[in-house]
Amino acid sequence: MPIINWRKSSFSTSGANCLELTTAHAHIHIRESDEPDTVIRTTPATLQSFIRAAKTGRFDHTI
């Protein structure tokens, strides 16, 4: 199994609950450090669209 180099968010502290990212095969893999076996896989374009929508407040009033 290849070694995966996860990168921690610069907004994370040294404790648990850190967002980590890696890239592989044209996808971005995202996980939370306290749940390392649960990984979300997405494309750069989809993640960019999600981040843009979050920054503009598109999800602020969802239930």
PDB file of N, CA and C in Angstrom:
ATOM      1  N   MET A   1       0.847  -1.176   0.000  1.00  0.00           N
ATOM      2  CA  MET A   1       0.000   0.000   0.000  1.00  0.00           C
ATOM      3  C   MET A   1       0.894   1.240   0.000  1.00  0.00           C
ATOM      4  N   PRO A   2       0.633   2.196  -0.896  1.00  0.00           N
ATOM      5  CA  PRO A   2       1.475   3.382  -0.962  1.00  0.00           C
ATOM      6  C   PRO A   2       1.278   4.286   0.257  1.00  0.00           C
ATOM      7  N   ILE A   3       2.322   5.010   0.583  1.00  0.00           N
ATOM      8  CA  ILE A   3       2.246   5.975   1.678  1.00  0.00           C
ATOM      9  C   ILE A   3       1.517   7.211   1.178  1.00  0.00           C
ATOM     10  N   ILE A   4       0.542   7.652   1.933  1.00  0.00           N
ATOM     11  CA  ILE A   4      -0.225   8.841   1.577  1.00  0.00           C
ATOM     12  C   ILE A   4       0.227   9.980   2.481  1.00  0.00           C
ATOM     13  N   ASN A   5       0.608  11.086   1.876  1.00  0.00           N
ATOM     14  CA  ASN A   5       1.035  12.257   2.640  1.00  0.00           C
ATOM     15  C   ASN A   5      -0.138  13.216   2.803  1.00  0.00           C
ATOM     16  N   TRP A   6      -0.791  13.132   3.961  1.00  0.00           N
ATOM     17  CA  TRP A   6      -1.914  14.004   4.263  1.00  0.00           C
ATOM     18  C   TRP A   6      -1.381  15.362   4.714  1.00  0.00           C
ATOM     19  N   ARG A   7      -2.036  16.437   4.266  1.00  0.00           N
ATOM     20  CA  ARG A   7      -1.681  17.798   4.677  1.00  0.00           C
ATOM     21  C   ARG A   7      -2.772  18.324   5.597  1.00  0.00           C
ATOM     22  N   LYS A   8      -2.357  18.857   6.732  1.00  0.00           N
ATOM     23  CA  LYS A   8      -3.302  19.387   7.705  1.00  0.00           C
ATOM     24  C   LYS A   8      -3.624  20.840   7.370  1.00  0.00           C
ATOM     25  N   SER A   9      -4.858  21.227   7.584  1.00  0.00           N
ATOM     26  CA  SER A   9      -5.267  22.604   7.377  1.00  0.00           C
ATOM     27  C   SER A   9      -4.458  23.538   8.275  1.00  0.00           C
ATOM     28  N   SER A  10      -4.081  24.682   7.746  1.00  0.00           N
ATOM     29  CA  SER A  10      -3.340  25.665   8.551  1.00  0.00           C
ATOM     30  C   SER A  10      -4.213  26.263   9.641  1.00  0.00           C
ATOM     31  N   PHE A  11      -5.527  26.087   9.557  1.00  0.00           N
ATOM     32  CA  PHE A  11      -6.435  26.583  10.588  1.00  0.00           C
ATOM     33  C   PHE A  11      -6.595  25.588  11.737  1.00  0.00           C
ATOM     34  N   SER A  12      -6.052  24.402  11.604  1.00  0.00           N
ATOM     35  CA  SER A  12      -6.159  23.373  12.640  1.00  0.00           C
ATOM     36  C   SER A  12      -5.120  23.613  13.726  1.00  0.00           C
ATOM     37  N   THR A  13      -5.489  23.251  14.931  1.00  0.00           N
ATOM     38  CA  THR A  13      -4.549  23.330  16.040  1.00  0.00           C
ATOM     39  C   THR A  13      -3.842  21.985  16.168  1.00  0.00           C
ATOM     40  N   SER A  14      -3.047  21.820  17.188  1.00  0.00           N
ATOM     41  CA  SER A  14      -2.294  20.580  17.354  1.00  0.00           C
ATOM     42  C   SER A  14      -3.145  19.430  17.896  1.00  0.00           C
ATOM     43  N   GLY A  15      -4.376  19.679  18.291  1.00  0.00           N
ATOM     44  CA  GLY A  15      -5.235  18.630  18.837  1.00  0.00           C
ATOM     45  C   GLY A  15      -5.955  17.841  17.756  1.00  0.00           C
ATOM     46  N   ALA A  16      -6.989  17.123  18.156  1.00  0.00           N
ATOM     47  CA  ALA A  16      -7.786  16.330  17.217  1.00  0.00           C
ATOM     48  C   ALA A  16      -8.711  17.251  16.418  1.00  0.00           C
ATOM     49  N   ASN A  17      -9.568  16.676  15.608  1.00  0.00           N
ATOM     50  CA  ASN A  17     -10.534  17.408  14.800  1.00  0.00           C
ATOM     51  C   ASN A  17      -9.871  18.326  13.781  1.00  0.00           C
ATOM     52  N   CYS A  18      -8.871  17.828  13.105  1.00  0.00           N
ATOM     53  CA  CYS A  18      -8.171  18.597  12.085  1.00  0.00           C
ATOM     54  C   CYS A  18      -8.589  18.126  10.700  1.00  0.00           C
ATOM     55  N   LEU A  19      -8.806  19.047   9.798  1.00  0.00           N
ATOM     56  CA  LEU A  19      -9.106  18.715   8.419  1.00  0.00           C
ATOM     57  C   LEU A  19      -7.799  18.419   7.698  1.00  0.00           C
ATOM     58  N   GLU A  20      -7.766  17.294   6.970  1.00  0.00           N
ATOM     59  CA  GLU A  20      -6.574  16.893   6.241  1.00  0.00           C
ATOM     60  C   GLU A  20      -6.928  16.619   4.780  1.00  0.00           C
ATOM     61  N   LEU A  21      -6.007  16.944   3.871  1.00  0.00           N
ATOM     62  CA  LEU A  21      -6.215  16.773   2.437  1.00  0.00           C
ATOM     63  C   LEU A  21      -5.031  16.067   1.805  1.00  0.00           C
ATOM     64  N   THR A  22      -5.306  15.365   0.723  1.00  0.00           N
ATOM     65  CA  THR A  22      -4.257  14.811  -0.126  1.00  0.00           C
ATOM     66  C   THR A  22      -4.802  14.724  -1.546  1.00  0.00           C
ATOM     67  N   THR A  23      -3.917  14.597  -2.507  1.00  0.00           N
ATOM     68  CA  THR A  23      -4.345  14.421  -3.893  1.00  0.00           C
ATOM     69  C   THR A  23      -3.808  13.097  -4.416  1.00  0.00           C
ATOM     70  N   ALA A  24      -4.605  12.473  -5.264  1.00  0.00           N
ATOM     71  CA  ALA A  24      -4.193  11.217  -5.896  1.00  0.00           C
ATOM     72  C   ALA A  24      -5.089  10.968  -7.097  1.00  0.00           C
ATOM     73  N   HIS A  25      -4.479  10.666  -8.224  1.00  0.00           N
ATOM     74  CA  HIS A  25      -5.209  10.279  -9.440  1.00  0.00           C
ATOM     75  C   HIS A  25      -6.260  11.318  -9.834  1.00  0.00           C
ATOM     76  N   ALA A  26      -5.879  12.590  -9.844  1.00  0.00           N
ATOM     77  CA  ALA A  26      -6.737  13.703 -10.267  1.00  0.00           C
ATOM     78  C   ALA A  26      -7.930  13.939  -9.339  1.00  0.00           C
ATOM     79  N   HIS A  27      -7.866  13.436  -8.125  1.00  0.00           N
ATOM     80  CA  HIS A  27      -8.922  13.668  -7.133  1.00  0.00           C
ATOM     81  C   HIS A  27      -8.326  14.266  -5.869  1.00  0.00           C
ATOM     82  N   ILE A  28      -9.167  14.912  -5.103  1.00  0.00           N
ATOM     83  CA  ILE A  28      -8.793  15.414  -3.786  1.00  0.00           C
ATOM     84  C   ILE A  28      -9.484  14.535  -2.755  1.00  0.00           C
ATOM     85  N   HIS A  29      -8.737  14.093  -1.770  1.00  0.00           N
ATOM     86  CA  HIS A  29      -9.273  13.263  -0.699  1.00  0.00           C
ATOM     87  C   HIS A  29      -9.248  14.097   0.575  1.00  0.00           C
ATOM     88  N   ILE A  30     -10.373  14.101   1.291  1.00  0.00           N
ATOM     89  CA  ILE A  30     -10.533  14.914   2.497  1.00  0.00           C
ATOM     90  C   ILE A  30     -10.947  14.008   3.641  1.00  0.00           C
ATOM     91  N   ARG A  31     -10.356  14.231   4.802  1.00  0.00           N
ATOM     92  CA  ARG A  31     -10.755  13.469   5.992  1.00  0.00           C
ATOM     93  C   ARG A  31     -10.585  14.346   7.225  1.00  0.00           C
ATOM     94  N   GLU A  32     -11.184  13.916   8.305  1.00  0.00           N
ATOM     95  CA  GLU A  32     -10.997  14.563   9.601  1.00  0.00           C
ATOM     96  C   GLU A  32     -10.065  13.665  10.407  1.00  0.00           C
ATOM     97  N   SER A  33      -9.112  14.255  11.094  1.00  0.00           N
ATOM     98  CA  SER A  33      -8.060  13.473  11.745  1.00  0.00           C
ATOM     99  C   SER A  33      -8.592  12.486  12.779  1.00  0.00           C
ATOM    100  N   ASP A  34      -9.715  12.786  13.423  1.00  0.00           N
ATOM    101  CA  ASP A  34     -10.233  11.840  14.419  1.00  0.00           C
ATOM    102  C   ASP A  34     -11.080  10.732  13.790  1.00  0.00           C
ATOM    103  N   GLU A  35     -11.281  10.765  12.461  1.00  0.00           N
ATOM    104  CA  GLU A  35     -11.985   9.714  11.705  1.00  0.00           C
ATOM    105  C   GLU A  35     -11.160   9.374  10.460  1.00  0.00           C
ATOM    106  N   PRO A  36      -9.926   8.886  10.621  1.00  0.00           N
ATOM    107  CA  PRO A  36      -9.028   8.723   9.476  1.00  0.00           C
ATOM    108  C   PRO A  36      -9.472   7.692   8.434  1.00  0.00           C
ATOM    109  N   ASP A  37     -10.383   6.808   8.787  1.00  0.00           N
ATOM    110  CA  ASP A  37     -10.843   5.809   7.825  1.00  0.00           C
ATOM    111  C   ASP A  37     -12.020   6.294   6.985  1.00  0.00           C
ATOM    112  N   THR A  38     -12.578   7.444   7.333  1.00  0.00           N
ATOM    113  CA  THR A  38     -13.678   8.028   6.573  1.00  0.00           C
ATOM    114  C   THR A  38     -13.106   9.120   5.680  1.00  0.00           C
ATOM    115  N   VAL A  39     -13.144   8.878   4.377  1.00  0.00           N
ATOM    116  CA  VAL A  39     -12.523   9.794   3.420  1.00  0.00           C
ATOM    117  C   VAL A  39     -13.552  10.187   2.367  1.00  0.00           C
ATOM    118  N   ILE A  40     -13.598  11.467   2.059  1.00  0.00           N
ATOM    119  CA  ILE A  40     -14.438  11.983   0.983  1.00  0.00           C
ATOM    120  C   ILE A  40     -13.536  12.223  -0.223  1.00  0.00           C
ATOM    121  N   ARG A  41     -13.949  11.758  -1.381  1.00  0.00           N
ATOM    122  CA  ARG A  41     -13.183  11.971  -2.606  1.00  0.00           C
ATOM    123  C   ARG A  41     -13.969  12.885  -3.529  1.00  0.00           C
ATOM    124  N   THR A  42     -13.298  13.892  -4.073  1.00  0.00           N
ATOM    125  CA  THR A  42     -13.941  14.840  -4.970  1.00  0.00           C
ATOM    126  C   THR A  42     -12.948  15.299  -6.027  1.00  0.00           C
ATOM    127  N   THR A  43     -13.424  16.066  -6.967  1.00  0.00           N
ATOM    128  CA  THR A  43     -12.540  16.633  -7.984  1.00  0.00           C
ATOM    129  C   THR A  43     -12.194  18.065  -7.587  1.00  0.00           C
ATOM    130  N   PRO A  44     -11.099  18.601  -8.103  1.00  0.00           N
ATOM    131  CA  PRO A  44     -10.770  19.998  -7.801  1.00  0.00           C
ATOM    132  C   PRO A  44     -11.881  20.976  -8.199  1.00  0.00           C
ATOM    133  N   ALA A  45     -12.520  20.759  -9.342  1.00  0.00           N
ATOM    134  CA  ALA A  45     -13.583  21.661  -9.789  1.00  0.00           C
ATOM    135  C   ALA A  45     -14.789  21.633  -8.853  1.00  0.00           C
ATOM    136  N   THR A  46     -15.172  20.451  -8.398  1.00  0.00           N
ATOM    137  CA  THR A  46     -16.310  20.332  -7.485  1.00  0.00           C
ATOM    138  C   THR A  46     -15.991  20.975  -6.142  1.00  0.00           C
ATOM    139  N   LEU A  47     -14.798  20.748  -5.625  1.00  0.00           N
ATOM    140  CA  LEU A  47     -14.409  21.365  -4.359  1.00  0.00           C
ATOM    141  C   LEU A  47     -14.357  22.877  -4.497  1.00  0.00           C
ATOM    142  N   GLN A  48     -13.853  23.379  -5.612  1.00  0.00           N
ATOM    143  CA  GLN A  48     -13.805  24.818  -5.835  1.00  0.00           C
ATOM    144  C   GLN A  48     -15.216  25.417  -5.862  1.00  0.00           C
ATOM    145  N   SER A  49     -16.151  24.745  -6.501  1.00  0.00           N
ATOM    146  CA  SER A  49     -17.540  25.212  -6.538  1.00  0.00           C
ATOM    147  C   SER A  49     -18.152  25.228  -5.140  1.00  0.00           C
ATOM    148  N   PHE A  50     -17.886  24.184  -4.348  1.00  0.00           N
ATOM    149  CA  PHE A  50     -18.406  24.121  -2.989  1.00  0.00           C
ATOM    150  C   PHE A  50     -17.839  25.261  -2.135  1.00  0.00           C
ATOM    151  N   ILE A  51     -16.530  25.480  -2.211  1.00  0.00           N
ATOM    152  CA  ILE A  51     -15.900  26.545  -1.420  1.00  0.00           C
ATOM    153  C   ILE A  51     -16.439  27.905  -1.841  1.00  0.00           C
ATOM    154  N   ARG A  52     -16.581  28.137  -3.140  1.00  0.00           N
ATOM    155  CA  ARG A  52     -17.125  29.408  -3.618  1.00  0.00           C
ATOM    156  C   ARG A  52     -18.541  29.624  -3.084  1.00  0.00           C
ATOM    157  N   ALA A  53     -19.372  28.594  -3.125  1.00  0.00           N
ATOM    158  CA  ALA A  53     -20.748  28.715  -2.620  1.00  0.00           C
ATOM    159  C   ALA A  53     -20.764  28.969  -1.119  1.00  0.00           C
ATOM    160  N   ALA A  54     -19.891  28.298  -0.371  1.00  0.00           N
ATOM    161  CA  ALA A  54     -19.840  28.512   1.078  1.00  0.00           C
ATOM    162  C   ALA A  54     -19.398  29.934   1.406  1.00  0.00           C
ATOM    163  N   LYS A  55     -18.420  30.452   0.675  1.00  0.00           N
ATOM    164  CA  LYS A  55     -17.935  31.815   0.917  1.00  0.00           C
ATOM    165  C   LYS A  55     -18.989  32.880   0.621  1.00  0.00           C
ATOM    166  N   THR A  56     -19.872  32.606  -0.325  1.00  0.00           N
ATOM    167  CA  THR A  56     -20.902  33.580  -0.660  1.00  0.00           C
ATOM    168  C   THR A  56     -22.159  33.431   0.203  1.00  0.00           C
ATOM    169  N   GLY A  57     -22.155  32.469   1.132  1.00  0.00           N
ATOM    170  CA  GLY A  57     -23.267  32.308   2.056  1.00  0.00           C
ATOM    171  C   GLY A  57     -24.405  31.455   1.542  1.00  0.00           C
ATOM    172  N   ARG A  58     -24.164  30.718   0.477  1.00  0.00           N
ATOM    173  CA  ARG A  58     -25.230  29.916  -0.132  1.00  0.00           C
ATOM    174  C   ARG A  58     -25.811  28.871   0.834  1.00  0.00           C
ATOM    175  N   PHE A  59     -25.035  28.391   1.791  1.00  0.00           N
ATOM    176  CA  PHE A  59     -25.499  27.352   2.710  1.00  0.00           C
ATOM    177  C   PHE A  59     -25.882  27.894   4.087  1.00  0.00           C
ATOM    178  N   ASP A  60     -25.904  29.208   4.237  1.00  0.00           N
ATOM    179  CA  ASP A  60     -26.136  29.802   5.556  1.00  0.00           C
ATOM    180  C   ASP A  60     -27.515  29.500   6.129  1.00  0.00           C
ATOM    181  N   HIS A  61     -28.502  29.293   5.291  1.00  0.00           N
ATOM    182  CA  HIS A  61     -29.867  29.117   5.790  1.00  0.00           C
ATOM    183  C   HIS A  61     -30.457  27.764   5.416  1.00  0.00           C
ATOM    184  N   THR A  62     -29.599  26.755   5.246  1.00  0.00           N
ATOM    185  CA  THR A  62     -30.116  25.423   4.932  1.00  0.00           C
ATOM    186  C   THR A  62     -30.470  24.693   6.224  1.00  0.00           C
ATOM    187  N   ILE A  63     -31.396  23.784   6.111  1.00  0.00           N
ATOM    188  CA  ILE A  63     -31.823  23.024   7.300  1.00  0.00           C
ATOM    189  C   ILE A  63     -31.231  21.648   7.255  1.00  0.00           C
TER     190      ILE A  63
END
